[in-house]
ModelCIF file with pLDDT and N, C-alpha, C, O atoms, coordinates in Angstrom:
data_MODEL
#
_entry.id   MODEL 
#
_entity.id                         1 
_entity.type                       polymer 
_entity.pdbx_number_of_molecules   1 
#
_entity_poly.entity_id                      1 
_entity_poly.type                           'polypeptide(L)' 
_entity_poly.nstd_linkage                   no 
_entity_poly.nstd_monomer                   no 
_entity_poly.pdbx_seq_one_letter_code       QETWQARRGTEPAVELDVVIATRDRPPHKLAACLDALRHQTFRH 
_entity_poly.pdbx_seq_one_letter_code_can   QETWQARRGTEPAVELDVVIATRDRPPHKLAACLDALRHQTFRH 
_entity_poly.pdbx_strand_id                 A 
#
loop_
_entity_poly_seq.entity_id 
_entity_poly_seq.num 
_entity_poly_seq.mon_id 
_entity_poly_seq.hetero 
1 1  GLN n 
1 2  GLU n 
1 3  THR n 
1 4  TRP n 
1 5  GLN n 
1 6  ALA n 
1 7  ARG n 
1 8  ARG n 
1 9  GLY n 
1 10 THR n 
1 11 GLU n 
1 12 PRO n 
1 13 ALA n 
1 14 VAL n 
1 15 GLU n 
1 16 LEU n 
1 17 ASP n 
1 18 VAL n 
1 19 VAL n 
1 20 ILE n 
1 21 ALA n 
1 22 THR n 
1 23 ARG n 
1 24 ASP n 
1 25 ARG n 
1 26 PRO n 
1 27 PRO n 
1 28 HIS n 
1 29 LYS n 
1 30 LEU n 
1 31 ALA n 
1 32 ALA n 
1 33 CYS n 
1 34 LEU n 
1 35 ASP n 
1 36 ALA n 
1 37 LEU n 
1 38 ARG n 
1 39 HIS n 
1 40 GLN n 
1 41 THR n 
1 42 PHE n 
1 43 ARG n 
1 44 HIS n 
#
_struct_asym.id          A 
_struct_asym.entity_id   1 
#
loop_
_ma_qa_metric.id 
_ma_qa_metric.mode 
_ma_qa_metric.name 
_ma_qa_metric.software_group_id 
_ma_qa_metric.type 
1 global pLDDT . pLDDT 
2 local  pLDDT . pLDDT 
#
_ma_qa_metric_global.metric_id      1 
_ma_qa_metric_global.metric_value   79.11 
_ma_qa_metric_global.model_id       1 
_ma_qa_metric_global.ordinal_id     1 
#
loop_
_ma_qa_metric_local.label_asym_id 
_ma_qa_metric_local.label_comp_id 
_ma_qa_metric_local.label_seq_id 
_ma_qa_metric_local.metric_id 
_ma_qa_metric_local.metric_value 
_ma_qa_metric_local.model_id 
_ma_qa_metric_local.ordinal_id 
A GLN 1  2 39.00 1 1  
A GLU 2  2 38.00 1 2  
A THR 3  2 36.00 1 3  
A TRP 4  2 38.00 1 4  
A GLN 5  2 43.00 1 5  
A ALA 6  2 41.00 1 6  
A ARG 7  2 43.00 1 7  
A ARG 8  2 47.00 1 8  
A GLY 9  2 48.00 1 9  
A THR 10 2 49.00 1 10 
A GLU 11 2 56.00 1 11 
A PRO 12 2 60.00 1 12 
A ALA 13 2 83.00 1 13 
A VAL 14 2 90.00 1 14 
A GLU 15 2 95.00 1 15 
A LEU 16 2 97.00 1 16 
A ASP 17 2 97.00 1 17 
A VAL 18 2 98.00 1 18 
A VAL 19 2 98.00 1 19 
A ILE 20 2 97.00 1 20 
A ALA 21 2 96.00 1 21 
A THR 22 2 94.00 1 22 
A ARG 23 2 92.00 1 23 
A ASP 24 2 89.00 1 24 
A ARG 25 2 88.00 1 25 
A PRO 26 2 86.00 1 26 
A PRO 27 2 84.00 1 27 
A HIS 28 2 84.00 1 28 
A LYS 29 2 88.00 1 29 
A LEU 30 2 89.00 1 30 
A ALA 31 2 87.00 1 31 
A ALA 32 2 90.00 1 32 
A CYS 33 2 93.00 1 33 
A LEU 34 2 91.00 1 34 
A ASP 35 2 91.00 1 35 
A ALA 36 2 94.00 1 36 
A LEU 37 2 95.00 1 37 
A ARG 38 2 92.00 1 38 
A HIS 39 2 93.00 1 39 
A GLN 40 2 96.00 1 40 
A THR 41 2 95.00 1 41 
A PHE 42 2 95.00 1 42 
A ARG 43 2 92.00 1 43 
A HIS 44 2 94.00 1 44 
#
loop_
_atom_site.group_PDB 
_atom_site.id 
_atom_site.type_symbol 
_atom_site.label_atom_id 
_atom_site.label_alt_id 
_atom_site.label_comp_id 
_atom_site.label_asym_id 
_atom_site.label_entity_id 
_atom_site.label_seq_id 
_atom_site.pdbx_PDB_ins_code 
_atom_site.Cartn_x 
_atom_site.Cartn_y 
_atom_site.Cartn_z 
_atom_site.occupancy 
_atom_site.B_iso_or_equiv 
_atom_site.pdbx_formal_charge 
_atom_site.auth_seq_id 
_atom_site.auth_comp_id 
_atom_site.auth_asym_id 
_atom_site.auth_atom_id 
_atom_site.pdbx_PDB_model_num 
ATOM 1   N N  . GLN A 1 1  ? 0.834   -1.205  0.000   1.00 39.00 ? 1  GLN A N  1 
ATOM 2   C CA . GLN A 1 1  ? 0.000   0.000   0.000   1.00 39.00 ? 1  GLN A CA 1 
ATOM 3   C C  . GLN A 1 1  ? 0.868   1.255   0.000   1.00 39.00 ? 1  GLN A C  1 
ATOM 4   O O  . GLN A 1 1  ? 0.525   2.243   -0.648  1.00 39.00 ? 1  GLN A O  1 
ATOM 5   N N  . GLU A 1 2  ? 1.996   1.223   0.726   1.00 38.00 ? 2  GLU A N  1 
ATOM 6   C CA . GLU A 1 2  ? 2.853   2.401   0.797   1.00 38.00 ? 2  GLU A CA 1 
ATOM 7   C C  . GLU A 1 2  ? 3.429   2.742   -0.581  1.00 38.00 ? 2  GLU A C  1 
ATOM 8   O O  . GLU A 1 2  ? 3.480   3.909   -0.970  1.00 38.00 ? 2  GLU A O  1 
ATOM 9   N N  . THR A 1 3  ? 3.866   1.700   -1.320  1.00 36.00 ? 3  THR A N  1 
ATOM 10  C CA . THR A 1 3  ? 4.413   1.931   -2.658  1.00 36.00 ? 3  THR A CA 1 
ATOM 11  C C  . THR A 1 3  ? 3.355   2.506   -3.580  1.00 36.00 ? 3  THR A C  1 
ATOM 12  O O  . THR A 1 3  ? 3.608   3.435   -4.347  1.00 36.00 ? 3  THR A O  1 
ATOM 13  N N  . TRP A 1 4  ? 2.144   1.922   -3.486  1.00 38.00 ? 4  TRP A N  1 
ATOM 14  C CA . TRP A 1 4  ? 1.065   2.392   -4.348  1.00 38.00 ? 4  TRP A CA 1 
ATOM 15  C C  . TRP A 1 4  ? 0.717   3.847   -4.040  1.00 38.00 ? 4  TRP A C  1 
ATOM 16  O O  . TRP A 1 4  ? 0.493   4.639   -4.956  1.00 38.00 ? 4  TRP A O  1 
ATOM 17  N N  . GLN A 1 5  ? 0.673   4.203   -2.743  1.00 43.00 ? 5  GLN A N  1 
ATOM 18  C CA . GLN A 1 5  ? 0.339   5.573   -2.381  1.00 43.00 ? 5  GLN A CA 1 
ATOM 19  C C  . GLN A 1 5  ? 1.417   6.540   -2.866  1.00 43.00 ? 5  GLN A C  1 
ATOM 20  O O  . GLN A 1 5  ? 1.111   7.648   -3.308  1.00 43.00 ? 5  GLN A O  1 
ATOM 21  N N  . ALA A 1 6  ? 2.678   6.117   -2.781  1.00 41.00 ? 6  ALA A N  1 
ATOM 22  C CA . ALA A 1 6  ? 3.752   6.981   -3.261  1.00 41.00 ? 6  ALA A CA 1 
ATOM 23  C C  . ALA A 1 6  ? 3.636   7.202   -4.762  1.00 41.00 ? 6  ALA A C  1 
ATOM 24  O O  . ALA A 1 6  ? 3.808   8.319   -5.249  1.00 41.00 ? 6  ALA A O  1 
ATOM 25  N N  . ARG A 1 7  ? 3.333   6.095   -5.514  1.00 43.00 ? 7  ARG A N  1 
ATOM 26  C CA . ARG A 1 7  ? 3.173   6.223   -6.957  1.00 43.00 ? 7  ARG A CA 1 
ATOM 27  C C  . ARG A 1 7  ? 1.983   7.102   -7.297  1.00 43.00 ? 7  ARG A C  1 
ATOM 28  O O  . ARG A 1 7  ? 2.059   7.961   -8.176  1.00 43.00 ? 7  ARG A O  1 
ATOM 29  N N  . ARG A 1 8  ? 0.861   6.874   -6.579  1.00 47.00 ? 8  ARG A N  1 
ATOM 30  C CA . ARG A 1 8  ? -0.343  7.644   -6.883  1.00 47.00 ? 8  ARG A CA 1 
ATOM 31  C C  . ARG A 1 8  ? -0.164  9.109   -6.537  1.00 47.00 ? 8  ARG A C  1 
ATOM 32  O O  . ARG A 1 8  ? -0.787  9.983   -7.139  1.00 47.00 ? 8  ARG A O  1 
ATOM 33  N N  . GLY A 1 9  ? 0.715   9.372   -5.536  1.00 48.00 ? 9  GLY A N  1 
ATOM 34  C CA . GLY A 1 9  ? 0.956   10.750  -5.153  1.00 48.00 ? 9  GLY A CA 1 
ATOM 35  C C  . GLY A 1 9  ? 1.608   11.569  -6.241  1.00 48.00 ? 9  GLY A C  1 
ATOM 36  O O  . GLY A 1 9  ? 1.548   12.798  -6.207  1.00 48.00 ? 9  GLY A O  1 
ATOM 37  N N  . THR A 1 10 ? 2.237   10.908  -7.216  1.00 49.00 ? 10 THR A N  1 
ATOM 38  C CA . THR A 1 10 ? 2.868   11.620  -8.326  1.00 49.00 ? 10 THR A CA 1 
ATOM 39  C C  . THR A 1 10 ? 1.899   11.896  -9.457  1.00 49.00 ? 10 THR A C  1 
ATOM 40  O O  . THR A 1 10 ? 2.244   12.612  -10.398 1.00 49.00 ? 10 THR A O  1 
ATOM 41  N N  . GLU A 1 11 ? 0.689   11.346  -9.392  1.00 56.00 ? 11 GLU A N  1 
ATOM 42  C CA . GLU A 1 11 ? -0.296  11.509  -10.443 1.00 56.00 ? 11 GLU A CA 1 
ATOM 43  C C  . GLU A 1 11 ? -1.269  12.640  -10.081 1.00 56.00 ? 11 GLU A C  1 
ATOM 44  O O  . GLU A 1 11 ? -1.304  13.073  -8.929  1.00 56.00 ? 11 GLU A O  1 
ATOM 45  N N  . PRO A 1 12 ? -2.068  13.129  -11.063 1.00 60.00 ? 12 PRO A N  1 
ATOM 46  C CA . PRO A 1 12 ? -3.072  14.143  -10.740 1.00 60.00 ? 12 PRO A CA 1 
ATOM 47  C C  . PRO A 1 12 ? -4.012  13.651  -9.641  1.00 60.00 ? 12 PRO A C  1 
ATOM 48  O O  . PRO A 1 12 ? -4.283  12.456  -9.523  1.00 60.00 ? 12 PRO A O  1 
ATOM 49  N N  . ALA A 1 13 ? -4.499  14.591  -8.846  1.00 83.00 ? 13 ALA A N  1 
ATOM 50  C CA . ALA A 1 13 ? -5.352  14.245  -7.714  1.00 83.00 ? 13 ALA A CA 1 
ATOM 51  C C  . ALA A 1 13 ? -6.571  13.454  -8.178  1.00 83.00 ? 13 ALA A C  1 
ATOM 52  O O  . ALA A 1 13 ? -7.238  13.824  -9.144  1.00 83.00 ? 13 ALA A O  1 
ATOM 53  N N  . VAL A 1 14 ? -6.847  12.367  -7.478  1.00 90.00 ? 14 VAL A N  1 
ATOM 54  C CA . VAL A 1 14 ? -8.030  11.556  -7.763  1.00 90.00 ? 14 VAL A CA 1 
ATOM 55  C C  . VAL A 1 14 ? -9.194  12.123  -6.965  1.00 90.00 ? 14 VAL A C  1 
ATOM 56  O O  . VAL A 1 14 ? -9.142  12.153  -5.736  1.00 90.00 ? 14 VAL A O  1 
ATOM 57  N N  . GLU A 1 15 ? -10.227 12.568  -7.637  1.00 95.00 ? 15 GLU A N  1 
ATOM 58  C CA . GLU A 1 15 ? -11.359 13.206  -6.977  1.00 95.00 ? 15 GLU A CA 1 
ATOM 59  C C  . GLU A 1 15 ? -12.511 12.251  -6.725  1.00 95.00 ? 15 GLU A C  1 
ATOM 60  O O  . GLU A 1 15 ? -13.435 12.575  -5.979  1.00 95.00 ? 15 GLU A O  1 
ATOM 61  N N  . LEU A 1 16 ? -12.465 11.064  -7.345  1.00 97.00 ? 16 LEU A N  1 
ATOM 62  C CA . LEU A 1 16 ? -13.533 10.072  -7.184  1.00 97.00 ? 16 LEU A CA 1 
ATOM 63  C C  . LEU A 1 16 ? -12.958 8.695   -7.468  1.00 97.00 ? 16 LEU A C  1 
ATOM 64  O O  . LEU A 1 16 ? -12.179 8.515   -8.404  1.00 97.00 ? 16 LEU A O  1 
ATOM 65  N N  . ASP A 1 17 ? -13.346 7.730   -6.655  1.00 97.00 ? 17 ASP A N  1 
ATOM 66  C CA . ASP A 1 17 ? -12.962 6.345   -6.915  1.00 97.00 ? 17 ASP A CA 1 
ATOM 67  C C  . ASP A 1 17 ? -14.205 5.538   -7.258  1.00 97.00 ? 17 ASP A C  1 
ATOM 68  O O  . ASP A 1 17 ? -15.219 5.604   -6.563  1.00 97.00 ? 17 ASP A O  1 
ATOM 69  N N  . VAL A 1 18 ? -14.108 4.776   -8.341  1.00 98.00 ? 18 VAL A N  1 
ATOM 70  C CA . VAL A 1 18 ? -15.158 3.832   -8.721  1.00 98.00 ? 18 VAL A CA 1 
ATOM 71  C C  . VAL A 1 18 ? -14.833 2.501   -8.047  1.00 98.00 ? 18 VAL A C  1 
ATOM 72  O O  . VAL A 1 18 ? -13.798 1.897   -8.327  1.00 98.00 ? 18 VAL A O  1 
ATOM 73  N N  . VAL A 1 19 ? -15.710 2.050   -7.166  1.00 98.00 ? 19 VAL A N  1 
ATOM 74  C CA . VAL A 1 19 ? -15.486 0.819   -6.415  1.00 98.00 ? 19 VAL A CA 1 
ATOM 75  C C  . VAL A 1 19 ? -16.353 -0.286  -7.018  1.00 98.00 ? 19 VAL A C  1 
ATOM 76  O O  . VAL A 1 19 ? -17.574 -0.157  -7.114  1.00 98.00 ? 19 VAL A O  1 
ATOM 77  N N  . ILE A 1 20 ? -15.696 -1.372  -7.419  1.00 97.00 ? 20 ILE A N  1 
ATOM 78  C CA . ILE A 1 20 ? -16.383 -2.490  -8.070  1.00 97.00 ? 20 ILE A CA 1 
ATOM 79  C C  . ILE A 1 20 ? -16.009 -3.776  -7.350  1.00 97.00 ? 20 ILE A C  1 
ATOM 80  O O  . ILE A 1 20 ? -14.832 -4.128  -7.269  1.00 97.00 ? 20 ILE A O  1 
ATOM 81  N N  . ALA A 1 21 ? -17.007 -4.474  -6.828  1.00 96.00 ? 21 ALA A N  1 
ATOM 82  C CA . ALA A 1 21 ? -16.790 -5.799  -6.252  1.00 96.00 ? 21 ALA A CA 1 
ATOM 83  C C  . ALA A 1 21 ? -17.063 -6.841  -7.334  1.00 96.00 ? 21 ALA A C  1 
ATOM 84  O O  . ALA A 1 21 ? -18.035 -6.722  -8.081  1.00 96.00 ? 21 ALA A O  1 
ATOM 85  N N  . THR A 1 22 ? -16.216 -7.854  -7.418  1.00 94.00 ? 22 THR A N  1 
ATOM 86  C CA . THR A 1 22 ? -16.380 -8.857  -8.475  1.00 94.00 ? 22 THR A CA 1 
ATOM 87  C C  . THR A 1 22 ? -15.980 -10.222 -7.963  1.00 94.00 ? 22 THR A C  1 
ATOM 88  O O  . THR A 1 22 ? -15.120 -10.352 -7.091  1.00 94.00 ? 22 THR A O  1 
ATOM 89  N N  . ARG A 1 23 ? -16.616 -11.238 -8.518  1.00 92.00 ? 23 ARG A N  1 
ATOM 90  C CA . ARG A 1 23 ? -16.259 -12.617 -8.169  1.00 92.00 ? 23 ARG A CA 1 
ATOM 91  C C  . ARG A 1 23 ? -16.625 -13.535 -9.343  1.00 92.00 ? 23 ARG A C  1 
ATOM 92  O O  . ARG A 1 23 ? -17.800 -13.698 -9.671  1.00 92.00 ? 23 ARG A O  1 
ATOM 93  N N  . ASP A 1 24 ? -15.618 -14.121 -9.958  1.00 89.00 ? 24 ASP A N  1 
ATOM 94  C CA . ASP A 1 24 ? -15.797 -15.105 -11.027 1.00 89.00 ? 24 ASP A CA 1 
ATOM 95  C C  . ASP A 1 24 ? -16.628 -14.580 -12.195 1.00 89.00 ? 24 ASP A C  1 
ATOM 96  O O  . ASP A 1 24 ? -17.308 -15.358 -12.864 1.00 89.00 ? 24 ASP A O  1 
ATOM 97  N N  . ARG A 1 25 ? -16.584 -13.298 -12.445 1.00 88.00 ? 25 ARG A N  1 
ATOM 98  C CA . ARG A 1 25 ? -17.292 -12.732 -13.591 1.00 88.00 ? 25 ARG A CA 1 
ATOM 99  C C  . ARG A 1 25 ? -16.547 -13.126 -14.868 1.00 88.00 ? 25 ARG A C  1 
ATOM 100 O O  . ARG A 1 25 ? -15.319 -13.033 -14.898 1.00 88.00 ? 25 ARG A O  1 
ATOM 101 N N  . PRO A 1 26 ? -17.244 -13.563 -15.929 1.00 86.00 ? 26 PRO A N  1 
ATOM 102 C CA . PRO A 1 26 ? -16.561 -13.873 -17.189 1.00 86.00 ? 26 PRO A CA 1 
ATOM 103 C C  . PRO A 1 26 ? -15.685 -12.709 -17.643 1.00 86.00 ? 26 PRO A C  1 
ATOM 104 O O  . PRO A 1 26 ? -16.102 -11.554 -17.559 1.00 86.00 ? 26 PRO A O  1 
ATOM 105 N N  . PRO A 1 27 ? -14.470 -13.000 -18.126 1.00 84.00 ? 27 PRO A N  1 
ATOM 106 C CA . PRO A 1 27 ? -13.524 -11.922 -18.448 1.00 84.00 ? 27 PRO A CA 1 
ATOM 107 C C  . PRO A 1 27 ? -14.075 -10.877 -19.404 1.00 84.00 ? 27 PRO A C  1 
ATOM 108 O O  . PRO A 1 27 ? -13.802 -9.689  -19.237 1.00 84.00 ? 27 PRO A O  1 
ATOM 109 N N  . HIS A 1 28 ? -14.859 -11.301 -20.420 1.00 84.00 ? 28 HIS A N  1 
ATOM 110 C CA . HIS A 1 28 ? -15.319 -10.316 -21.398 1.00 84.00 ? 28 HIS A CA 1 
ATOM 111 C C  . HIS A 1 28 ? -16.308 -9.334  -20.781 1.00 84.00 ? 28 HIS A C  1 
ATOM 112 O O  . HIS A 1 28 ? -16.416 -8.197  -21.241 1.00 84.00 ? 28 HIS A O  1 
ATOM 113 N N  . LYS A 1 29 ? -17.037 -9.763  -19.735 1.00 88.00 ? 29 LYS A N  1 
ATOM 114 C CA . LYS A 1 29 ? -17.977 -8.850  -19.074 1.00 88.00 ? 29 LYS A CA 1 
ATOM 115 C C  . LYS A 1 29 ? -17.216 -7.765  -18.313 1.00 88.00 ? 29 LYS A C  1 
ATOM 116 O O  . LYS A 1 29 ? -17.516 -6.577  -18.431 1.00 88.00 ? 29 LYS A O  1 
ATOM 117 N N  . LEU A 1 30 ? -16.229 -8.197  -17.534 1.00 89.00 ? 30 LEU A N  1 
ATOM 118 C CA . LEU A 1 30 ? -15.440 -7.230  -16.783 1.00 89.00 ? 30 LEU A CA 1 
ATOM 119 C C  . LEU A 1 30 ? -14.624 -6.350  -17.716 1.00 89.00 ? 30 LEU A C  1 
ATOM 120 O O  . LEU A 1 30 ? -14.422 -5.166  -17.444 1.00 89.00 ? 30 LEU A O  1 
ATOM 121 N N  . ALA A 1 31 ? -14.153 -6.933  -18.826 1.00 87.00 ? 31 ALA A N  1 
ATOM 122 C CA . ALA A 1 31 ? -13.410 -6.159  -19.815 1.00 87.00 ? 31 ALA A CA 1 
ATOM 123 C C  . ALA A 1 31 ? -14.262 -5.026  -20.368 1.00 87.00 ? 31 ALA A C  1 
ATOM 124 O O  . ALA A 1 31 ? -13.787 -3.899  -20.505 1.00 87.00 ? 31 ALA A O  1 
ATOM 125 N N  . ALA A 1 32 ? -15.517 -5.321  -20.686 1.00 90.00 ? 32 ALA A N  1 
ATOM 126 C CA . ALA A 1 32 ? -16.409 -4.289  -21.226 1.00 90.00 ? 32 ALA A CA 1 
ATOM 127 C C  . ALA A 1 32 ? -16.674 -3.203  -20.190 1.00 90.00 ? 32 ALA A C  1 
ATOM 128 O O  . ALA A 1 32 ? -16.754 -2.021  -20.527 1.00 90.00 ? 32 ALA A O  1 
ATOM 129 N N  . CYS A 1 33 ? -16.810 -3.608  -18.924 1.00 93.00 ? 33 CYS A N  1 
ATOM 130 C CA . CYS A 1 33 ? -17.016 -2.650  -17.837 1.00 93.00 ? 33 CYS A CA 1 
ATOM 131 C C  . CYS A 1 33 ? -15.838 -1.688  -17.732 1.00 93.00 ? 33 CYS A C  1 
ATOM 132 O O  . CYS A 1 33 ? -16.026 -0.475  -17.638 1.00 93.00 ? 33 CYS A O  1 
ATOM 133 N N  . LEU A 1 34 ? -14.617 -2.236  -17.749 1.00 91.00 ? 34 LEU A N  1 
ATOM 134 C CA . LEU A 1 34 ? -13.424 -1.401  -17.639 1.00 91.00 ? 34 LEU A CA 1 
ATOM 135 C C  . LEU A 1 34 ? -13.220 -0.544  -18.875 1.00 91.00 ? 34 LEU A C  1 
ATOM 136 O O  . LEU A 1 34 ? -12.806 0.611   -18.772 1.00 91.00 ? 34 LEU A O  1 
ATOM 137 N N  . ASP A 1 35 ? -13.511 -1.103  -20.042 1.00 91.00 ? 35 ASP A N  1 
ATOM 138 C CA . ASP A 1 35 ? -13.326 -0.343  -21.271 1.00 91.00 ? 35 ASP A CA 1 
ATOM 139 C C  . ASP A 1 35 ? -14.222 0.889   -21.303 1.00 91.00 ? 35 ASP A C  1 
ATOM 140 O O  . ASP A 1 35 ? -13.804 1.954   -21.758 1.00 91.00 ? 35 ASP A O  1 
ATOM 141 N N  . ALA A 1 36 ? -15.461 0.744   -20.818 1.00 94.00 ? 36 ALA A N  1 
ATOM 142 C CA . ALA A 1 36 ? -16.355 1.901   -20.768 1.00 94.00 ? 36 ALA A CA 1 
ATOM 143 C C  . ALA A 1 36 ? -15.815 2.975   -19.827 1.00 94.00 ? 36 ALA A C  1 
ATOM 144 O O  . ALA A 1 36 ? -15.973 4.167   -20.094 1.00 94.00 ? 36 ALA A O  1 
ATOM 145 N N  . LEU A 1 37 ? -15.179 2.565   -18.731 1.00 95.00 ? 37 LEU A N  1 
ATOM 146 C CA . LEU A 1 37 ? -14.595 3.545   -17.814 1.00 95.00 ? 37 LEU A CA 1 
ATOM 147 C C  . LEU A 1 37 ? -13.404 4.257   -18.449 1.00 95.00 ? 37 LEU A C  1 
ATOM 148 O O  . LEU A 1 37 ? -13.120 5.404   -18.105 1.00 95.00 ? 37 LEU A O  1 
ATOM 149 N N  . ARG A 1 38 ? -12.710 3.603   -19.363 1.00 92.00 ? 38 ARG A N  1 
ATOM 150 C CA . ARG A 1 38 ? -11.594 4.251   -20.064 1.00 92.00 ? 38 ARG A CA 1 
ATOM 151 C C  . ARG A 1 38 ? -12.066 5.435   -20.885 1.00 92.00 ? 38 ARG A C  1 
ATOM 152 O O  . ARG A 1 38 ? -11.290 6.353   -21.153 1.00 92.00 ? 38 ARG A O  1 
ATOM 153 N N  . HIS A 1 39 ? -13.330 5.425   -21.288 1.00 93.00 ? 39 HIS A N  1 
ATOM 154 C CA . HIS A 1 39 ? -13.836 6.448   -22.202 1.00 93.00 ? 39 HIS A CA 1 
ATOM 155 C C  . HIS A 1 39 ? -14.665 7.525   -21.500 1.00 93.00 ? 39 HIS A C  1 
ATOM 156 O O  . HIS A 1 39 ? -15.480 8.196   -22.131 1.00 93.00 ? 39 HIS A O  1 
ATOM 157 N N  . GLN A 1 40 ? -14.453 7.684   -20.202 1.00 96.00 ? 40 GLN A N  1 
ATOM 158 C CA . GLN A 1 40 ? -15.155 8.728   -19.469 1.00 96.00 ? 40 GLN A CA 1 
ATOM 159 C C  . GLN A 1 40 ? -14.614 10.111  -19.828 1.00 96.00 ? 40 GLN A C  1 
ATOM 160 O O  . GLN A 1 40 ? -13.415 10.281  -20.048 1.00 96.00 ? 40 GLN A O  1 
ATOM 161 N N  . THR A 1 41 ? -15.505 11.089  -19.883 1.00 95.00 ? 41 THR A N  1 
ATOM 162 C CA . THR A 1 41 ? -15.077 12.460  -20.178 1.00 95.00 ? 41 THR A CA 1 
ATOM 163 C C  . THR A 1 41 ? -14.372 13.090  -18.990 1.00 95.00 ? 41 THR A C  1 
ATOM 164 O O  . THR A 1 41 ? -13.515 13.954  -19.172 1.00 95.00 ? 41 THR A O  1 
ATOM 165 N N  . PHE A 1 42 ? -14.711 12.680  -17.787 1.00 95.00 ? 42 PHE A N  1 
ATOM 166 C CA . PHE A 1 42 ? -14.035 13.148  -16.580 1.00 95.00 ? 42 PHE A CA 1 
ATOM 167 C C  . PHE A 1 42 ? -12.839 12.242  -16.330 1.00 95.00 ? 42 PHE A C  1 
ATOM 168 O O  . PHE A 1 42 ? -12.978 11.019  -16.360 1.00 95.00 ? 42 PHE A O  1 
ATOM 169 N N  . ARG A 1 43 ? -11.662 12.820  -16.084 1.00 92.00 ? 43 ARG A N  1 
ATOM 170 C CA . ARG A 1 43 ? -10.444 12.027  -16.044 1.00 92.00 ? 43 ARG A CA 1 
ATOM 171 C C  . ARG A 1 43 ? -9.862  11.832  -14.641 1.00 92.00 ? 43 ARG A C  1 
ATOM 172 O O  . ARG A 1 43 ? -9.076  10.906  -14.438 1.00 92.00 ? 43 ARG A O  1 
ATOM 173 N N  . HIS A 1 44 ? -10.219 12.667  -13.676 1.00 94.00 ? 44 HIS A N  1 
ATOM 174 C CA . HIS A 1 44 ? -9.556  12.615  -12.369 1.00 94.00 ? 44 HIS A CA 1 
ATOM 175 C C  . HIS A 1 44 ? -10.248 11.615  -11.441 1.00 94.00 ? 44 HIS A C  1 
ATOM 176 O O  . HIS A 1 44 ? -9.825  11.439  -10.298 1.00 94.00 ? 44 HIS A O  1 
#
């Protein structure tokens, strides 16, 4: 966690976190979910 926080501290401030719980979801379903998040107009 410390390494991740240090790395994230060098990036633009994150103003919102999308929290997703998952268990054994078929890969293509989760892939589509993540791909849609890649195309958000809001970036932070």
